[in-house]
Amino acid sequence: MVNTAMSRRKKKSWMTPDAFRHVRESVLKLTQKELGDRLDTSDRQISQFETGRQPIPKDVAAVMMNAHAVGFKWPRKPLDK
């Protein structure tokens, strides 16, 4: 039998939604769509991170925190693969 209290436990977010939004807007200067394209996710997912509806995964938080730490600026257009 599954412990329903454990299954309903909120997943840990590795970064606050406000910090995530700040890095996107002020440091990276990207729209939700542009960041979603670069992280290979949707603008809807980025919105859910920023509103706290979905926890920010560890790998995404690491990218955002590193970008903030070094003042990284993504090119306005994605680089060709």
Protein backbone atom coordinates (compact mmCIF):
# COMPACT_ATOMS: atom_id res chain seq x y z
CA MET A 1 0.00 0.00 0.00
CA VAL A 2 1.34 3.44 -0.96
CA ASN A 3 1.62 6.04 1.76
CA THR A 4 -0.54 8.85 0.35
CA ALA A 5 1.10 11.45 2.59
CA MET A 6 4.45 10.63 0.97
CA SER A 7 3.02 10.65 -2.55
CA ARG A 8 1.47 14.09 -2.01
CA ARG A 9 4.64 15.61 -0.62
CA LYS A 10 5.67 18.68 -2.56
CA LYS A 11 8.86 18.23 -4.56
CA LYS A 12 11.77 20.41 -3.58
CA SER A 13 12.45 23.45 -5.71
CA TRP A 14 16.13 24.30 -6.02
CA MET A 15 15.54 28.02 -6.64
CA THR A 16 12.76 30.42 -5.72
CA PRO A 17 10.36 31.48 -8.47
CA ASP A 18 11.27 35.15 -7.90
CA ALA A 19 14.99 34.44 -8.24
CA PHE A 20 14.35 32.43 -11.41
CA ARG A 21 12.33 35.30 -12.93
CA HIS A 22 14.96 37.86 -11.89
CA VAL A 23 17.76 35.94 -13.63
CA ARG A 24 15.66 35.46 -16.77
CA GLU A 25 14.60 39.10 -17.03
CA SER A 26 17.51 41.06 -15.56
CA VAL A 27 20.57 38.93 -16.21
CA LEU A 28 19.76 36.91 -19.31
CA LYS A 29 17.29 39.46 -20.73
CA LEU A 30 15.21 36.72 -22.35
CA THR A 31 11.48 36.22 -22.74
CA GLN A 32 9.89 33.05 -21.39
CA LYS A 33 9.75 31.70 -24.95
CA GLU A 34 13.44 32.46 -25.62
CA LEU A 35 14.53 30.80 -22.37
CA GLY A 36 12.28 27.83 -23.04
CA ASP A 37 13.85 27.39 -26.48
CA ARG A 38 17.35 27.45 -25.00
CA LEU A 39 16.45 25.01 -22.22
CA ASP A 40 14.55 22.76 -24.65
CA THR A 41 11.23 23.26 -22.86
CA SER A 42 8.08 25.28 -23.38
CA ASP A 43 7.33 28.85 -22.39
CA ARG A 44 4.44 27.38 -20.39
CA GLN A 45 6.91 25.34 -18.31
CA ILE A 46 8.99 28.48 -17.69
CA SER A 47 5.82 30.26 -16.56
CA GLN A 48 5.05 27.40 -14.16
CA PHE A 49 8.54 27.69 -12.66
CA GLU A 50 8.07 31.44 -12.21
CA THR A 51 4.67 31.13 -10.54
CA GLY A 52 5.73 28.26 -8.29
CA ARG A 53 3.24 25.82 -9.83
CA GLN A 54 6.11 23.48 -10.68
CA PRO A 55 9.35 23.08 -8.73
CA ILE A 56 12.48 24.25 -10.53
CA PRO A 57 14.63 21.16 -11.19
CA LYS A 58 18.18 21.06 -9.87
CA ASP A 59 19.80 21.12 -13.33
CA VAL A 60 17.73 24.12 -14.49
CA ALA A 61 18.42 25.98 -11.24
CA ALA A 62 22.15 25.29 -11.64
CA VAL A 63 22.16 26.80 -15.15
CA MET A 64 20.29 29.87 -13.91
CA MET A 65 22.47 30.36 -10.81
CA ASN A 66 25.66 29.99 -12.84
CA ALA A 67 24.38 32.50 -15.40
CA HIS A 68 23.67 34.91 -12.55
CA ALA A 69 27.07 34.36 -10.92
CA VAL A 70 29.05 35.13 -14.06
CA GLY A 71 26.66 37.64 -15.61
CA PHE A 72 26.24 35.39 -18.66
CA LYS A 73 24.36 36.85 -21.62
CA TRP A 74 22.80 34.42 -24.08
CA PRO A 75 22.86 35.57 -27.69
CA ARG A 76 19.49 36.93 -28.79
CA LYS A 77 19.30 34.24 -31.48
CA PRO A 78 20.15 30.62 -30.64
CA LEU A 79 23.38 29.40 -32.16
CA ASP A 80 23.00 27.00 -35.06
CA LYS A 81 23.60 23.39 -34.14
